[in-house]
């Protein structure tokens, strides 16, 4: 009887430990502002895309999305090649983020846009995953496009 009780306690503690380990081992992803090199995309649309990407990352099992990381100026975060600067990488590492999601929106015509996103490893600046999706610029379509984009990205990290 005592042995069965001890085995039951051991089993419960193991199950509880593995469940809590999954909760605490979530990958932290900093989501930057959406880049619009054309300057033609409305600020509200860029904010909506960032919010939708944050929701999609946060709702993916094993990931946490963060947008409260303050980036002083988005242009200062990139070097001349378009990669994240070493200063930005150091800042994100200090915030205990493992990955950075960088996204860009490019108008293709009056109705469609190209959403591009990449996941960057904060410790070394290496691009871990990259993907893009073409969609209508309407909010109803942007939400599903962001979900689709995140599904492609989180499968790679």
C-alpha atoms as a PDB file:
ATOM      1  CA  UNK A   1       0.000   0.000   0.000  1.00  0.00           C
ATOM      2  CA  UNK A   2       2.772   2.400   0.951  1.00  0.00           C
ATOM      3  CA  UNK A   3       4.687   1.548  -2.228  1.00  0.00           C
ATOM      4  CA  UNK A   4       1.659   2.211  -4.430  1.00  0.00           C
ATOM      5  CA  UNK A   5       1.095   5.530  -2.707  1.00  0.00           C
ATOM      6  CA  UNK A   6       4.730   6.569  -3.233  1.00  0.00           C
ATOM      7  CA  UNK A   7       4.583   5.502  -6.879  1.00  0.00           C
ATOM      8  CA  UNK A   8       1.406   7.542  -7.347  1.00  0.00           C
ATOM      9  CA  UNK A   9       3.050  10.601  -5.762  1.00  0.00           C
ATOM     10  CA  UNK A  10       6.120  10.158  -7.970  1.00  0.00           C
ATOM     11  CA  UNK A  11       3.988   9.828 -11.093  1.00  0.00           C
ATOM     12  CA  UNK A  12       1.920  12.916 -10.247  1.00  0.00           C
ATOM     13  CA  UNK A  13       5.005  14.989  -9.540  1.00  0.00           C
ATOM     14  CA  UNK A  14       6.556  13.892 -12.859  1.00  0.00           C
ATOM     15  CA  UNK A  15       3.400  14.814 -14.809  1.00  0.00           C
ATOM     16  CA  UNK A  16       3.192  18.132 -12.991  1.00  0.00           C
ATOM     17  CA  UNK A  17       6.883  18.851 -13.672  1.00  0.00           C
ATOM     18  CA  UNK A  18       6.629  18.100 -17.396  1.00  0.00           C
ATOM     19  CA  UNK A  19       3.472  20.215 -17.740  1.00  0.00           C
ATOM     20  CA  UNK A  20       5.118  23.158 -15.968  1.00  0.00           C
ATOM     21  CA  UNK A  21       8.304  22.713 -18.017  1.00  0.00           C
ATOM     22  CA  UNK A  22       6.287  23.153 -21.207  1.00  0.00           C
ATOM     23  CA  UNK A  23       4.737  26.308 -19.802  1.00  0.00           C
ATOM     24  CA  UNK A  24       8.040  27.839 -18.716  1.00  0.00           C
ATOM     25  CA  UNK A  25      10.025  26.845 -21.822  1.00  0.00           C
ATOM     26  CA  UNK A  26       8.000  29.006 -24.143  1.00  0.00           C
ATOM     27  CA  UNK A  27      10.083  30.837 -26.763  1.00  0.00           C
ATOM     28  CA  UNK A  28       9.976  34.610 -26.378  1.00  0.00           C
ATOM     29  CA  UNK A  29       9.573  36.585 -29.594  1.00  0.00           C
ATOM     30  CA  UNK A  30       9.922  40.376 -29.819  1.00  0.00           C
ATOM     31  CA  UNK A  31       7.722  41.747 -32.593  1.00  0.00           C
ATOM     32  CA  UNK A  32       9.034  44.972 -34.114  1.00  0.00           C
ATOM     33  CA  UNK A  33       7.056  47.708 -35.794  1.00  0.00           C
ATOM     34  CA  UNK A  34       5.992  46.889 -39.357  1.00  0.00           C
ATOM     35  CA  UNK A  35       8.355  48.383 -41.934  1.00  0.00           C
ATOM     36  CA  UNK A  36       6.822  50.298 -44.841  1.00  0.00           C
ATOM     37  CA  UNK A  37       9.585  51.439 -47.184  1.00  0.00           C
ATOM     38  CA  UNK A  38       7.087  52.919 -49.647  1.00  0.00           C
ATOM     39  CA  UNK A  39       5.445  55.195 -47.078  1.00  0.00           C
ATOM     40  CA  UNK A  40       2.074  54.487 -48.707  1.00  0.00           C
ATOM     41  CA  UNK A  41       0.573  52.215 -46.038  1.00  0.00           C
ATOM     42  CA  UNK A  42      -1.668  53.797 -43.421  1.00  0.00           C
ATOM     43  CA  UNK A  43      -0.377  53.813 -39.841  1.00  0.00           C
ATOM     44  CA  UNK A  44      -3.514  52.011 -38.672  1.00  0.00           C
ATOM     45  CA  UNK A  45      -2.901  49.188 -41.142  1.00  0.00           C
ATOM     46  CA  UNK A  46       0.688  48.755 -39.927  1.00  0.00           C
ATOM     47  CA  UNK A  47      -0.496  48.726 -36.309  1.00  0.00           C
ATOM     48  CA  UNK A  48      -3.160  46.164 -37.167  1.00  0.00           C
ATOM     49  CA  UNK A  49      -0.632  43.891 -38.905  1.00  0.00           C
ATOM     50  CA  UNK A  50       1.717  44.072 -35.901  1.00  0.00           C
ATOM     51  CA  UNK A  51      -1.165  43.260 -33.582  1.00  0.00           C
ATOM     52  CA  UNK A  52      -2.302  40.334 -35.750  1.00  0.00           C
ATOM     53  CA  UNK A  53       1.254  38.952 -35.912  1.00  0.00           C
ATOM     54  CA  UNK A  54       1.558  39.283 -32.131  1.00  0.00           C
ATOM     55  CA  UNK A  55      -1.735  37.438 -31.638  1.00  0.00           C
ATOM     56  CA  UNK A  56      -0.712  34.705 -34.065  1.00  0.00           C
ATOM     57  CA  UNK A  57       2.670  34.173 -32.357  1.00  0.00           C
ATOM     58  CA  UNK A  58       1.194  34.283 -28.847  1.00  0.00           C
ATOM     59  CA  UNK A  59      -1.568  31.824 -29.782  1.00  0.00           C
ATOM     60  CA  UNK A  60       0.969  29.348 -31.189  1.00  0.00           C
ATOM     61  CA  UNK A  61       1.852  26.603 -28.715  1.00  0.00           C
ATOM     62  CA  UNK A  62       5.224  27.217 -27.095  1.00  0.00           C
ATOM     63  CA  UNK A  63       5.604  30.901 -28.036  1.00  0.00           C
ATOM     64  CA  UNK A  64       5.109  34.273 -26.368  1.00  0.00           C
ATOM     65  CA  UNK A  65       4.864  37.474 -28.378  1.00  0.00           C
ATOM     66  CA  UNK A  66       6.072  40.824 -27.036  1.00  0.00           C
ATOM     67  CA  UNK A  67       5.458  44.248 -28.558  1.00  0.00           C
ATOM     68  CA  UNK A  68       6.310  46.331 -25.504  1.00  0.00           C
ATOM     69  CA  UNK A  69      10.001  46.308 -26.405  1.00  0.00           C
ATOM     70  CA  UNK A  70      10.752  49.957 -27.144  1.00  0.00           C
ATOM     71  CA  UNK A  71      12.716  50.560 -30.312  1.00  0.00           C
ATOM     72  CA  UNK A  72      13.898  54.160 -30.491  1.00  0.00           C
ATOM     73  CA  UNK A  73      13.795  54.519 -34.258  1.00  0.00           C
ATOM     74  CA  UNK A  74      13.137  51.671 -36.627  1.00  0.00           C
ATOM     75  CA  UNK A  75      15.640  52.941 -39.174  1.00  0.00           C
ATOM     76  CA  UNK A  76      18.390  52.886 -36.525  1.00  0.00           C
ATOM     77  CA  UNK A  77      17.700  49.194 -35.894  1.00  0.00           C
ATOM     78  CA  UNK A  78      18.949  48.093 -39.316  1.00  0.00           C
ATOM     79  CA  UNK A  79      22.447  48.266 -40.764  1.00  0.00           C
ATOM     80  CA  UNK A  80      23.222  49.174 -44.388  1.00  0.00           C
ATOM     81  CA  UNK A  81      22.492  45.630 -45.616  1.00  0.00           C
ATOM     82  CA  UNK A  82      18.999  45.643 -44.116  1.00  0.00           C
ATOM     83  CA  UNK A  83      19.891  43.286 -41.264  1.00  0.00           C
ATOM     84  CA  UNK A  84      19.269  44.081 -37.626  1.00  0.00           C
ATOM     85  CA  UNK A  85      22.067  46.132 -36.110  1.00  0.00           C
ATOM     86  CA  UNK A  86      24.263  44.705 -33.361  1.00  0.00           C
ATOM     87  CA  UNK A  87      22.937  47.394 -30.992  1.00  0.00           C
ATOM     88  CA  UNK A  88      19.371  46.193 -31.538  1.00  0.00           C
ATOM     89  CA  UNK A  89      20.392  42.557 -31.064  1.00  0.00           C
ATOM     90  CA  UNK A  90      22.145  43.411 -27.770  1.00  0.00           C
ATOM     91  CA  UNK A  91      19.126  45.338 -26.547  1.00  0.00           C
ATOM     92  CA  UNK A  92      16.737  42.480 -27.338  1.00  0.00           C
ATOM     93  CA  UNK A  93      19.053  39.925 -25.661  1.00  0.00           C
ATOM     94  CA  UNK A  94      19.062  42.071 -22.505  1.00  0.00           C
ATOM     95  CA  UNK A  95      15.259  41.921 -22.564  1.00  0.00           C
ATOM     96  CA  UNK A  96      15.585  38.099 -22.434  1.00  0.00           C
ATOM     97  CA  UNK A  97      14.063  37.639 -25.896  1.00  0.00           C
ATOM     98  CA  UNK A  98      15.250  34.665 -27.928  1.00  0.00           C
ATOM     99  CA  UNK A  99      13.862  35.735 -31.288  1.00  0.00           C
ATOM    100  CA  UNK A 100      12.835  38.862 -33.147  1.00  0.00           C
ATOM    101  CA  UNK A 101      10.038  38.946 -35.705  1.00  0.00           C
ATOM    102  CA  UNK A 102      10.706  41.597 -38.338  1.00  0.00           C
ATOM    103  CA  UNK A 103       7.907  42.297 -40.797  1.00  0.00           C
ATOM    104  CA  UNK A 104       7.465  44.454 -43.851  1.00  0.00           C
ATOM    105  CA  UNK A 105       4.405  45.486 -45.834  1.00  0.00           C
ATOM    106  CA  UNK A 106       4.733  46.472 -49.484  1.00  0.00           C
ATOM    107  CA  UNK A 107       1.834  47.762 -51.582  1.00  0.00           C
ATOM    108  CA  UNK A 108       1.639  45.886 -54.901  1.00  0.00           C
ATOM    109  CA  UNK A 109      -1.277  47.876 -56.272  1.00  0.00           C
ATOM    110  CA  UNK A 110      -4.276  49.752 -54.848  1.00  0.00           C
ATOM    111  CA  UNK A 111      -5.869  46.585 -53.471  1.00  0.00           C
ATOM    112  CA  UNK A 112      -3.091  44.115 -52.650  1.00  0.00           C
ATOM    113  CA  UNK A 113      -0.026  44.084 -50.438  1.00  0.00           C
ATOM    114  CA  UNK A 114       2.890  41.741 -49.864  1.00  0.00           C
ATOM    115  CA  UNK A 115       3.507  40.850 -46.214  1.00  0.00           C
ATOM    116  CA  UNK A 116       7.024  39.620 -45.562  1.00  0.00           C
ATOM    117  CA  UNK A 117       8.299  38.428 -42.212  1.00  0.00           C
ATOM    118  CA  UNK A 118      11.409  36.819 -40.849  1.00  0.00           C
ATOM    119  CA  UNK A 119      12.365  35.371 -37.506  1.00  0.00           C
ATOM    120  CA  UNK A 120      15.854  36.386 -36.383  1.00  0.00           C
ATOM    121  CA  UNK A 121      17.835  34.659 -33.625  1.00  0.00           C
ATOM    122  CA  UNK A 122      18.570  37.419 -31.091  1.00  0.00           C
ATOM    123  CA  UNK A 123      21.828  35.838 -29.938  1.00  0.00           C
ATOM    124  CA  UNK A 124      23.586  35.856 -33.316  1.00  0.00           C
ATOM    125  CA  UNK A 125      21.410  37.780 -35.798  1.00  0.00           C
ATOM    126  CA  UNK A 126      20.925  34.762 -38.059  1.00  0.00           C
ATOM    127  CA  UNK A 127      17.654  34.568 -39.972  1.00  0.00           C
ATOM    128  CA  UNK A 128      15.965  31.378 -38.766  1.00  0.00           C
ATOM    129  CA  UNK A 129      12.845  31.534 -40.928  1.00  0.00           C
ATOM    130  CA  UNK A 130      11.504  33.780 -43.645  1.00  0.00           C
ATOM    131  CA  UNK A 131       8.222  33.836 -45.517  1.00  0.00           C
ATOM    132  CA  UNK A 132       5.860  36.115 -47.387  1.00  0.00           C
ATOM    133  CA  UNK A 133       2.222  36.167 -48.385  1.00  0.00           C
ATOM    134  CA  UNK A 134       0.292  38.248 -50.890  1.00  0.00           C
ATOM    135  CA  UNK A 135      -3.112  39.440 -49.714  1.00  0.00           C
ATOM    136  CA  UNK A 136      -5.752  42.105 -50.096  1.00  0.00           C
ATOM    137  CA  UNK A 137      -5.118  45.230 -48.038  1.00  0.00           C
ATOM    138  CA  UNK A 138      -8.508  44.805 -46.334  1.00  0.00           C
ATOM    139  CA  UNK A 139      -8.434  44.059 -42.589  1.00  0.00           C
ATOM    140  CA  UNK A 140     -10.541  40.907 -43.012  1.00  0.00           C
ATOM    141  CA  UNK A 141      -7.858  39.436 -45.286  1.00  0.00           C
ATOM    142  CA  UNK A 142      -4.869  40.766 -43.314  1.00  0.00           C
ATOM    143  CA  UNK A 143      -5.815  38.759 -40.223  1.00  0.00           C
ATOM    144  CA  UNK A 144      -5.839  35.398 -42.001  1.00  0.00           C
ATOM    145  CA  UNK A 145      -2.682  36.354 -43.939  1.00  0.00           C
ATOM    146  CA  UNK A 146      -0.845  37.084 -40.664  1.00  0.00           C
ATOM    147  CA  UNK A 147      -2.010  33.752 -39.205  1.00  0.00           C
ATOM    148  CA  UNK A 148      -0.807  31.946 -42.322  1.00  0.00           C
ATOM    149  CA  UNK A 149       2.526  33.767 -42.207  1.00  0.00           C
ATOM    150  CA  UNK A 150       3.081  32.884 -38.540  1.00  0.00           C
ATOM    151  CA  UNK A 151       2.229  29.217 -39.135  1.00  0.00           C
ATOM    152  CA  UNK A 152       4.999  29.095 -41.727  1.00  0.00           C
ATOM    153  CA  UNK A 153       7.471  30.864 -39.438  1.00  0.00           C
ATOM    154  CA  UNK A 154       6.937  29.088 -36.112  1.00  0.00           C
ATOM    155  CA  UNK A 155       7.263  25.708 -37.772  1.00  0.00           C
ATOM    156  CA  UNK A 156      10.884  26.577 -38.514  1.00  0.00           C
ATOM    157  CA  UNK A 157      11.981  27.536 -34.987  1.00  0.00           C
END
